[in-house]
Amino acid sequence: MITHHDPIIFQKESMTQDIVQAAILIFSAIAIWLVTRKEHWSRWGYIFGLMSQPFWLYVTWAEGQWGMFALSLWYTYSWLQGVWNYWLNASPES
């Protein structure tokens, strides 16, 4: 019988959390850095920001952080607005 304290399960949970935390760090940091740039490629920040959101949503839901989960939904909407404005509905010069 496998219990929650089984070392193999603990290692899998720890590895999943490490991957989630690394993804949040990498995608979120790149997103913020890019959207603050003045160059034309700053619009990539919205893509990276959107890529970070599944990880934010997962971890805040799994940990029961309802305020952060609600904020993550708001950020998802905001990143989607950026994708819409700068990618899907962009003028030809952008």
PDB file of N, CA and C in Angstrom:
ATOM      1  N   MET A   1       0.841  -1.187   0.000  1.00  0.00           N
ATOM      2  CA  MET A   1       0.000   0.000   0.000  1.00  0.00           C
ATOM      3  C   MET A   1       0.887   1.252   0.000  1.00  0.00           C
ATOM      4  N   ILE A   2       0.557   2.178  -0.863  1.00  0.00           N
ATOM      5  CA  ILE A   2       1.312   3.422  -0.949  1.00  0.00           C
ATOM      6  C   ILE A   2       0.643   4.465  -0.058  1.00  0.00           C
ATOM      7  N   THR A   3       1.445   5.094   0.761  1.00  0.00           N
ATOM      8  CA  THR A   3       0.925   6.149   1.622  1.00  0.00           C
ATOM      9  C   THR A   3       1.463   7.494   1.164  1.00  0.00           C
ATOM     10  N   HIS A   4       0.906   8.540   1.704  1.00  0.00           N
ATOM     11  CA  HIS A   4       1.355   9.891   1.353  1.00  0.00           C
ATOM     12  C   HIS A   4       2.806  10.121   1.748  1.00  0.00           C
ATOM     13  N   HIS A   5       3.294   9.368   2.701  1.00  0.00           N
ATOM     14  CA  HIS A   5       4.665   9.546   3.188  1.00  0.00           C
ATOM     15  C   HIS A   5       5.666   8.679   2.436  1.00  0.00           C
ATOM     16  N   ASP A   6       5.213   7.990   1.423  1.00  0.00           N
ATOM     17  CA  ASP A   6       6.107   7.176   0.606  1.00  0.00           C
ATOM     18  C   ASP A   6       7.150   8.083  -0.052  1.00  0.00           C
ATOM     19  N   PRO A   7       8.440   7.770   0.093  1.00  0.00           N
ATOM     20  CA  PRO A   7       9.497   8.638  -0.457  1.00  0.00           C
ATOM     21  C   PRO A   7       9.373   8.866  -1.962  1.00  0.00           C
ATOM     22  N   ILE A   8       8.916   7.881  -2.713  1.00  0.00           N
ATOM     23  CA  ILE A   8       8.785   8.038  -4.166  1.00  0.00           C
ATOM     24  C   ILE A   8       7.713   9.072  -4.488  1.00  0.00           C
ATOM     25  N   ILE A   9       6.587   8.995  -3.822  1.00  0.00           N
ATOM     26  CA  ILE A   9       5.525   9.982  -4.052  1.00  0.00           C
ATOM     27  C   ILE A   9       5.988  11.359  -3.620  1.00  0.00           C
ATOM     28  N   PHE A  10       6.672  11.439  -2.491  1.00  0.00           N
ATOM     29  CA  PHE A  10       7.181  12.724  -2.015  1.00  0.00           C
ATOM     30  C   PHE A  10       8.139  13.327  -3.029  1.00  0.00           C
ATOM     31  N   GLN A  11       9.009  12.502  -3.619  1.00  0.00           N
ATOM     32  CA  GLN A  11       9.942  12.997  -4.626  1.00  0.00           C
ATOM     33  C   GLN A  11       9.205  13.514  -5.854  1.00  0.00           C
ATOM     34  N   LYS A  12       8.155  12.832  -6.295  1.00  0.00           N
ATOM     35  CA  LYS A  12       7.388  13.269  -7.462  1.00  0.00           C
ATOM     36  C   LYS A  12       6.694  14.593  -7.186  1.00  0.00           C
ATOM     37  N   GLU A  13       6.101  14.720  -5.977  1.00  0.00           N
ATOM     38  CA  GLU A  13       5.443  15.977  -5.617  1.00  0.00           C
ATOM     39  C   GLU A  13       6.460  17.112  -5.558  1.00  0.00           C
ATOM     40  N   SER A  14       7.612  16.840  -4.983  1.00  0.00           N
ATOM     41  CA  SER A  14       8.652  17.856  -4.872  1.00  0.00           C
ATOM     42  C   SER A  14       9.160  18.261  -6.252  1.00  0.00           C
ATOM     43  N   MET A  15       9.335  17.293  -7.145  1.00  0.00           N
ATOM     44  CA  MET A  15       9.812  17.591  -8.488  1.00  0.00           C
ATOM     45  C   MET A  15       8.776  18.417  -9.254  1.00  0.00           C
ATOM     46  N   THR A  16       7.502  18.090  -9.099  1.00  0.00           N
ATOM     47  CA  THR A  16       6.444  18.866  -9.752  1.00  0.00           C
ATOM     48  C   THR A  16       6.464  20.300  -9.249  1.00  0.00           C
ATOM     49  N   GLN A  17       6.580  20.491  -7.947  1.00  0.00           N
ATOM     50  CA  GLN A  17       6.632  21.837  -7.384  1.00  0.00           C
ATOM     51  C   GLN A  17       7.858  22.599  -7.878  1.00  0.00           C
ATOM     52  N   ASP A  18       8.981  21.907  -8.001  1.00  0.00           N
ATOM     53  CA  ASP A  18      10.190  22.554  -8.515  1.00  0.00           C
ATOM     54  C   ASP A  18       9.996  23.022  -9.954  1.00  0.00           C
ATOM     55  N   ILE A  19       9.368  22.199 -10.766  1.00  0.00           N
ATOM     56  CA  ILE A  19       9.115  22.568 -12.162  1.00  0.00           C
ATOM     57  C   ILE A  19       8.161  23.752 -12.235  1.00  0.00           C
ATOM     58  N   VAL A  20       7.106  23.710 -11.438  1.00  0.00           N
ATOM     59  CA  VAL A  20       6.133  24.811 -11.418  1.00  0.00           C
ATOM     60  C   VAL A  20       6.799  26.105 -10.974  1.00  0.00           C
ATOM     61  N   GLN A  21       7.578  26.048  -9.903  1.00  0.00           N
ATOM     62  CA  GLN A  21       8.239  27.250  -9.409  1.00  0.00           C
ATOM     63  C   GLN A  21       9.238  27.795 -10.421  1.00  0.00           C
ATOM     64  N   ALA A  22       9.981  26.913 -11.079  1.00  0.00           N
ATOM     65  CA  ALA A  22      10.938  27.349 -12.104  1.00  0.00           C
ATOM     66  C   ALA A  22      10.209  27.995 -13.281  1.00  0.00           C
ATOM     67  N   ALA A  23       9.096  27.412 -13.704  1.00  0.00           N
ATOM     68  CA  ALA A  23       8.326  27.973 -14.813  1.00  0.00           C
ATOM     69  C   ALA A  23       7.771  29.350 -14.458  1.00  0.00           C
ATOM     70  N   ILE A  24       7.260  29.498 -13.245  1.00  0.00           N
ATOM     71  CA  ILE A  24       6.757  30.797 -12.801  1.00  0.00           C
ATOM     72  C   ILE A  24       7.882  31.835 -12.825  1.00  0.00           C
ATOM     73  N   LEU A  25       9.023  31.472 -12.279  1.00  0.00           N
ATOM     74  CA  LEU A  25      10.158  32.396 -12.241  1.00  0.00           C
ATOM     75  C   LEU A  25      10.601  32.794 -13.655  1.00  0.00           C
ATOM     76  N   ILE A  26      10.819  31.821 -14.498  1.00  0.00           N
ATOM     77  CA  ILE A  26      11.352  32.096 -15.832  1.00  0.00           C
ATOM     78  C   ILE A  26      10.369  32.872 -16.693  1.00  0.00           C
ATOM     79  N   PHE A  27       9.147  32.342 -16.845  1.00  0.00           N
ATOM     80  CA  PHE A  27       8.172  32.990 -17.733  1.00  0.00           C
ATOM     81  C   PHE A  27       7.746  34.365 -17.229  1.00  0.00           C
ATOM     82  N   SER A  28       7.534  34.492 -15.926  1.00  0.00           N
ATOM     83  CA  SER A  28       7.086  35.774 -15.379  1.00  0.00           C
ATOM     84  C   SER A  28       8.175  36.834 -15.465  1.00  0.00           C
ATOM     85  N   ALA A  29       9.400  36.465 -15.148  1.00  0.00           N
ATOM     86  CA  ALA A  29      10.504  37.428 -15.211  1.00  0.00           C
ATOM     87  C   ALA A  29      10.742  37.899 -16.645  1.00  0.00           C
ATOM     88  N   ILE A  30      10.718  36.965 -17.591  1.00  0.00           N
ATOM     89  CA  ILE A  30      10.886  37.343 -18.997  1.00  0.00           C
ATOM     90  C   ILE A  30       9.742  38.248 -19.444  1.00  0.00           C
ATOM     91  N   ALA A  31       8.514  37.915 -19.046  1.00  0.00           N
ATOM     92  CA  ALA A  31       7.345  38.711 -19.445  1.00  0.00           C
ATOM     93  C   ALA A  31       7.458  40.150 -18.975  1.00  0.00           C
ATOM     94  N   ILE A  32       7.751  40.342 -17.715  1.00  0.00           N
ATOM     95  CA  ILE A  32       7.832  41.700 -17.176  1.00  0.00           C
ATOM     96  C   ILE A  32       8.974  42.470 -17.819  1.00  0.00           C
ATOM     97  N   TRP A  33      10.117  41.809 -17.988  1.00  0.00           N
ATOM     98  CA  TRP A  33      11.249  42.478 -18.627  1.00  0.00           C
ATOM     99  C   TRP A  33      10.892  42.904 -20.047  1.00  0.00           C
ATOM    100  N   LEU A  34      10.229  42.026 -20.796  1.00  0.00           N
ATOM    101  CA  LEU A  34       9.904  42.339 -22.185  1.00  0.00           C
ATOM    102  C   LEU A  34       8.882  43.464 -22.318  1.00  0.00           C
ATOM    103  N   VAL A  35       7.814  43.439 -21.530  1.00  0.00           N
ATOM    104  CA  VAL A  35       6.770  44.458 -21.709  1.00  0.00           C
ATOM    105  C   VAL A  35       7.244  45.850 -21.311  1.00  0.00           C
ATOM    106  N   THR A  36       8.324  45.934 -20.563  1.00  0.00           N
ATOM    107  CA  THR A  36       8.834  47.258 -20.188  1.00  0.00           C
ATOM    108  C   THR A  36       9.843  47.810 -21.190  1.00  0.00           C
ATOM    109  N   ARG A  37      10.169  47.043 -22.200  1.00  0.00           N
ATOM    110  CA  ARG A  37      11.131  47.462 -23.211  1.00  0.00           C
ATOM    111  C   ARG A  37      10.470  48.406 -24.219  1.00  0.00           C
ATOM    112  N   LYS A  38      11.270  49.236 -24.855  1.00  0.00           N
ATOM    113  CA  LYS A  38      10.763  50.157 -25.867  1.00  0.00           C
ATOM    114  C   LYS A  38      10.864  49.584 -27.278  1.00  0.00           C
ATOM    115  N   GLU A  39      11.614  48.510 -27.438  1.00  0.00           N
ATOM    116  CA  GLU A  39      11.803  47.920 -28.760  1.00  0.00           C
ATOM    117  C   GLU A  39      10.515  47.261 -29.265  1.00  0.00           C
ATOM    118  N   HIS A  40      10.458  47.066 -30.573  1.00  0.00           N
ATOM    119  CA  HIS A  40       9.254  46.497 -31.175  1.00  0.00           C
ATOM    120  C   HIS A  40       8.968  45.074 -30.700  1.00  0.00           C
ATOM    121  N   TRP A  41       9.983  44.368 -30.250  1.00  0.00           N
ATOM    122  CA  TRP A  41       9.780  42.998 -29.798  1.00  0.00           C
ATOM    123  C   TRP A  41       9.263  42.904 -28.367  1.00  0.00           C
ATOM    124  N   SER A  42       8.960  44.031 -27.756  1.00  0.00           N
ATOM    125  CA  SER A  42       8.425  44.006 -26.386  1.00  0.00           C
ATOM    126  C   SER A  42       7.082  43.281 -26.317  1.00  0.00           C
ATOM    127  N   ARG A  43       6.394  43.211 -27.443  1.00  0.00           N
ATOM    128  CA  ARG A  43       5.082  42.537 -27.455  1.00  0.00           C
ATOM    129  C   ARG A  43       5.191  41.055 -27.107  1.00  0.00           C
ATOM    130  N   TRP A  44       6.375  40.470 -27.208  1.00  0.00           N
ATOM    131  CA  TRP A  44       6.569  39.081 -26.807  1.00  0.00           C
ATOM    132  C   TRP A  44       6.324  38.883 -25.310  1.00  0.00           C
ATOM    133  N   GLY A  45       6.396  39.957 -24.554  1.00  0.00           N
ATOM    134  CA  GLY A  45       6.130  39.866 -23.122  1.00  0.00           C
ATOM    135  C   GLY A  45       4.744  39.337 -22.812  1.00  0.00           C
ATOM    136  N   TYR A  46       3.779  39.681 -23.646  1.00  0.00           N
ATOM    137  CA  TYR A  46       2.413  39.205 -23.428  1.00  0.00           C
ATOM    138  C   TYR A  46       2.308  37.699 -23.646  1.00  0.00           C
ATOM    139  N   ILE A  47       3.063  37.189 -24.584  1.00  0.00           N
ATOM    140  CA  ILE A  47       3.084  35.741 -24.827  1.00  0.00           C
ATOM    141  C   ILE A  47       3.700  35.014 -23.637  1.00  0.00           C
ATOM    142  N   PHE A  48       4.851  35.514 -23.167  1.00  0.00           N
ATOM    143  CA  PHE A  48       5.498  34.881 -22.015  1.00  0.00           C
ATOM    144  C   PHE A  48       4.641  35.005 -20.758  1.00  0.00           C
ATOM    145  N   GLY A  49       3.987  36.140 -20.582  1.00  0.00           N
ATOM    146  CA  GLY A  49       3.095  36.305 -19.435  1.00  0.00           C
ATOM    147  C   GLY A  49       1.958  35.307 -19.471  1.00  0.00           C
ATOM    148  N   LEU A  50       1.392  35.122 -20.647  1.00  0.00           N
ATOM    149  CA  LEU A  50       0.307  34.152 -20.793  1.00  0.00           C
ATOM    150  C   LEU A  50       0.814  32.730 -20.557  1.00  0.00           C
ATOM    151  N   MET A  51       2.037  32.452 -20.974  1.00  0.00           N
ATOM    152  CA  MET A  51       2.629  31.125 -20.745  1.00  0.00           C
ATOM    153  C   MET A  51       2.825  30.836 -19.256  1.00  0.00           C
ATOM    154  N   SER A  52       3.000  31.870 -18.451  1.00  0.00           N
ATOM    155  CA  SER A  52       3.208  31.659 -17.014  1.00  0.00           C
ATOM    156  C   SER A  52       1.906  31.349 -16.277  1.00  0.00           C
ATOM    157  N   GLN A  53       0.797  31.745 -16.840  1.00  0.00           N
ATOM    158  CA  GLN A  53      -0.463  31.668 -16.102  1.00  0.00           C
ATOM    159  C   GLN A  53      -0.931  30.270 -15.723  1.00  0.00           C
ATOM    160  N   PRO A  54      -0.792  29.248 -16.564  1.00  0.00           N
ATOM    161  CA  PRO A  54      -1.211  27.917 -16.087  1.00  0.00           C
ATOM    162  C   PRO A  54      -0.488  27.491 -14.820  1.00  0.00           C
ATOM    163  N   PHE A  55       0.772  27.866 -14.699  1.00  0.00           N
ATOM    164  CA  PHE A  55       1.553  27.510 -13.510  1.00  0.00           C
ATOM    165  C   PHE A  55       1.073  28.290 -12.291  1.00  0.00           C
ATOM    166  N   TRP A  56       0.808  29.582 -12.487  1.00  0.00           N
ATOM    167  CA  TRP A  56       0.254  30.395 -11.391  1.00  0.00           C
ATOM    168  C   TRP A  56      -1.100  29.841 -10.957  1.00  0.00           C
ATOM    169  N   LEU A  57      -1.952  29.548 -11.911  1.00  0.00           N
ATOM    170  CA  LEU A  57      -3.288  29.045 -11.579  1.00  0.00           C
ATOM    171  C   LEU A  57      -3.206  27.702 -10.862  1.00  0.00           C
ATOM    172  N   TYR A  58      -2.338  26.826 -11.346  1.00  0.00           N
ATOM    173  CA  TYR A  58      -2.182  25.514 -10.714  1.00  0.00           C
ATOM    174  C   TYR A  58      -1.742  25.639  -9.262  1.00  0.00           C
ATOM    175  N   VAL A  59      -0.663  26.384  -9.029  1.00  0.00           N
ATOM    176  CA  VAL A  59      -0.094  26.433  -7.685  1.00  0.00           C
ATOM    177  C   VAL A  59      -1.021  27.163  -6.709  1.00  0.00           C
ATOM    178  N   THR A  60      -1.673  28.227  -7.152  1.00  0.00           N
ATOM    179  CA  THR A  60      -2.561  28.941  -6.227  1.00  0.00           C
ATOM    180  C   THR A  60      -3.809  28.114  -5.919  1.00  0.00           C
ATOM    181  N   TRP A  61      -4.294  27.359  -6.892  1.00  0.00           N
ATOM    182  CA  TRP A  61      -5.446  26.471  -6.656  1.00  0.00           C
ATOM    183  C   TRP A  61      -5.037  25.329  -5.724  1.00  0.00           C
ATOM    184  N   ALA A  62      -3.910  24.690  -6.019  1.00  0.00           N
ATOM    185  CA  ALA A  62      -3.460  23.543  -5.227  1.00  0.00           C
ATOM    186  C   ALA A  62      -3.173  23.915  -3.778  1.00  0.00           C
ATOM    187  N   GLU A  63      -2.703  25.127  -3.551  1.00  0.00           N
ATOM    188  CA  GLU A  63      -2.371  25.563  -2.196  1.00  0.00           C
ATOM    189  C   GLU A  63      -3.529  26.269  -1.496  1.00  0.00           C
ATOM    190  N   GLY A  64      -4.657  26.404  -2.181  1.00  0.00           N
ATOM    191  CA  GLY A  64      -5.824  27.040  -1.566  1.00  0.00           C
ATOM    192  C   GLY A  64      -5.669  28.529  -1.337  1.00  0.00           C
ATOM    193  N   GLN A  65      -4.869  29.170  -2.151  1.00  0.00           N
ATOM    194  CA  GLN A  65      -4.652  30.612  -2.036  1.00  0.00           C
ATOM    195  C   GLN A  65      -5.668  31.328  -2.920  1.00  0.00           C
ATOM    196  N   TRP A  66      -6.877  31.485  -2.419  1.00  0.00           N
ATOM    197  CA  TRP A  66      -8.001  31.950  -3.235  1.00  0.00           C
ATOM    198  C   TRP A  66      -7.831  33.387  -3.711  1.00  0.00           C
ATOM    199  N   GLY A  67      -7.245  34.234  -2.899  1.00  0.00           N
ATOM    200  CA  GLY A  67      -7.012  35.605  -3.333  1.00  0.00           C
ATOM    201  C   GLY A  67      -6.004  35.659  -4.469  1.00  0.00           C
ATOM    202  N   MET A  68      -4.927  34.904  -4.337  1.00  0.00           N
ATOM    203  CA  MET A  68      -3.925  34.840  -5.400  1.00  0.00           C
ATOM    204  C   MET A  68      -4.487  34.155  -6.646  1.00  0.00           C
ATOM    205  N   PHE A  69      -5.354  33.172  -6.444  1.00  0.00           N
ATOM    206  CA  PHE A  69      -5.984  32.509  -7.588  1.00  0.00           C
ATOM    207  C   PHE A  69      -6.848  33.502  -8.357  1.00  0.00           C
ATOM    208  N   ALA A  70      -7.639  34.288  -7.635  1.00  0.00           N
ATOM    209  CA  ALA A  70      -8.480  35.304  -8.289  1.00  0.00           C
ATOM    210  C   ALA A  70      -7.610  36.332  -9.011  1.00  0.00           C
ATOM    211  N   LEU A  71      -6.521  36.745  -8.382  1.00  0.00           N
ATOM    212  CA  LEU A  71      -5.605  37.682  -9.016  1.00  0.00           C
ATOM    213  C   LEU A  71      -4.970  37.058 -10.259  1.00  0.00           C
ATOM    214  N   SER A  72      -4.652  35.773 -10.208  1.00  0.00           N
ATOM    215  CA  SER A  72      -4.086  35.084 -11.371  1.00  0.00           C
ATOM    216  C   SER A  72      -5.074  35.048 -12.528  1.00  0.00           C
ATOM    217  N   LEU A  73      -6.357  34.897 -12.216  1.00  0.00           N
ATOM    218  CA  LEU A  73      -7.378  34.969 -13.274  1.00  0.00           C
ATOM    219  C   LEU A  73      -7.390  36.354 -13.906  1.00  0.00           C
ATOM    220  N   TRP A  74      -7.251  37.389 -13.093  1.00  0.00           N
ATOM    221  CA  TRP A  74      -7.204  38.758 -13.601  1.00  0.00           C
ATOM    222  C   TRP A  74      -5.971  38.964 -14.485  1.00  0.00           C
ATOM    223  N   TYR A  75      -4.834  38.464 -14.042  1.00  0.00           N
ATOM    224  CA  TYR A  75      -3.616  38.554 -14.842  1.00  0.00           C
ATOM    225  C   TYR A  75      -3.774  37.799 -16.164  1.00  0.00           C
ATOM    226  N   THR A  76      -4.413  36.637 -16.124  1.00  0.00           N
ATOM    227  CA  THR A  76      -4.652  35.887 -17.359  1.00  0.00           C
ATOM    228  C   THR A  76      -5.448  36.735 -18.342  1.00  0.00           C
ATOM    229  N   TYR A  77      -6.509  37.355 -17.855  1.00  0.00           N
ATOM    230  CA  TYR A  77      -7.314  38.242 -18.693  1.00  0.00           C
ATOM    231  C   TYR A  77      -6.457  39.391 -19.242  1.00  0.00           C
ATOM    232  N   SER A  78      -5.625  39.970 -18.398  1.00  0.00           N
ATOM    233  CA  SER A  78      -4.781  41.094 -18.814  1.00  0.00           C
ATOM    234  C   SER A  78      -3.755  40.681 -19.864  1.00  0.00           C
ATOM    235  N   TRP A  79      -3.109  39.525 -19.665  1.00  0.00           N
ATOM    236  CA  TRP A  79      -2.163  39.038 -20.666  1.00  0.00           C
ATOM    237  C   TRP A  79      -2.883  38.743 -21.975  1.00  0.00           C
ATOM    238  N   LEU A  80      -4.088  38.205 -21.888  1.00  0.00           N
ATOM    239  CA  LEU A  80      -4.875  37.943 -23.103  1.00  0.00           C
ATOM    240  C   LEU A  80      -5.203  39.237 -23.839  1.00  0.00           C
ATOM    241  N   GLN A  81      -5.481  40.300 -23.095  1.00  0.00           N
ATOM    242  CA  GLN A  81      -5.708  41.606 -23.724  1.00  0.00           C
ATOM    243  C   GLN A  81      -4.475  42.046 -24.498  1.00  0.00           C
ATOM    244  N   GLY A  82      -3.300  41.861 -23.924  1.00  0.00           N
ATOM    245  CA  GLY A  82      -2.065  42.216 -24.610  1.00  0.00           C
ATOM    246  C   GLY A  82      -1.860  41.391 -25.869  1.00  0.00           C
ATOM    247  N   VAL A  83      -2.151  40.091 -25.788  1.00  0.00           N
ATOM    248  CA  VAL A  83      -2.038  39.239 -26.978  1.00  0.00           C
ATOM    249  C   VAL A  83      -3.013  39.727 -28.044  1.00  0.00           C
ATOM    250  N   TRP A  84      -4.214  40.051 -27.649  1.00  0.00           N
ATOM    251  CA  TRP A  84      -5.207  40.552 -28.606  1.00  0.00           C
ATOM    252  C   TRP A  84      -4.739  41.874 -29.233  1.00  0.00           C
ATOM    253  N   ASN A  85      -4.325  42.809 -28.399  1.00  0.00           N
ATOM    254  CA  ASN A  85      -3.968  44.141 -28.888  1.00  0.00           C
ATOM    255  C   ASN A  85      -2.673  44.183 -29.688  1.00  0.00           C
ATOM    256  N   TYR A  86      -1.697  43.364 -29.314  1.00  0.00           N
ATOM    257  CA  TYR A  86      -0.381  43.453 -29.936  1.00  0.00           C
ATOM    258  C   TYR A  86      -0.050  42.315 -30.896  1.00  0.00           C
ATOM    259  N   TRP A  87      -0.905  41.293 -30.948  1.00  0.00           N
ATOM    260  CA  TRP A  87      -0.665  40.181 -31.852  1.00  0.00           C
ATOM    261  C   TRP A  87      -1.840  39.963 -32.806  1.00  0.00           C
ATOM    262  N   LEU A  88      -3.007  39.729 -32.261  1.00  0.00           N
ATOM    263  CA  LEU A  88      -4.149  39.340 -33.098  1.00  0.00           C
ATOM    264  C   LEU A  88      -4.815  40.512 -33.792  1.00  0.00           C
ATOM    265  N   ASN A  89      -4.797  41.671 -33.155  1.00  0.00           N
ATOM    266  CA  ASN A  89      -5.478  42.842 -33.696  1.00  0.00           C
ATOM    267  C   ASN A  89      -4.469  43.982 -33.902  1.00  0.00           C
ATOM    268  N   ALA A  90      -3.233  43.623 -34.150  1.00  0.00           N
ATOM    269  CA  ALA A  90      -2.161  44.617 -34.254  1.00  0.00           C
ATOM    270  C   ALA A  90      -2.191  45.313 -35.616  1.00  0.00           C
ATOM    271  N   SER A  91      -1.787  46.560 -35.603  1.00  0.00           N
ATOM    272  CA  SER A  91      -1.630  47.284 -36.871  1.00  0.00           C
ATOM    273  C   SER A  91      -0.357  46.791 -37.562  1.00  0.00           C
ATOM    274  N   PRO A  92      -0.249  46.943 -38.865  1.00  0.00           N
ATOM    275  CA  PRO A  92       0.901  46.411 -39.593  1.00  0.00           C
ATOM    276  C   PRO A  92       2.255  46.959 -39.133  1.00  0.00           C
ATOM    277  N   GLU A  93       2.328  48.155 -38.599  1.00  0.00           N
ATOM    278  CA  GLU A  93       3.620  48.710 -38.182  1.00  0.00           C
ATOM    279  C   GLU A  93       4.085  48.212 -36.827  1.00  0.00           C
ATOM    280  N   SER A  94       3.273  47.447 -36.086  1.00  0.00           N
ATOM    281  CA  SER A  94       3.718  46.985 -34.763  1.00  0.00           C
ATOM    282  C   SER A  94       4.458  45.680 -34.820  1.00  0.00           C
TER     283      SER A  94
END
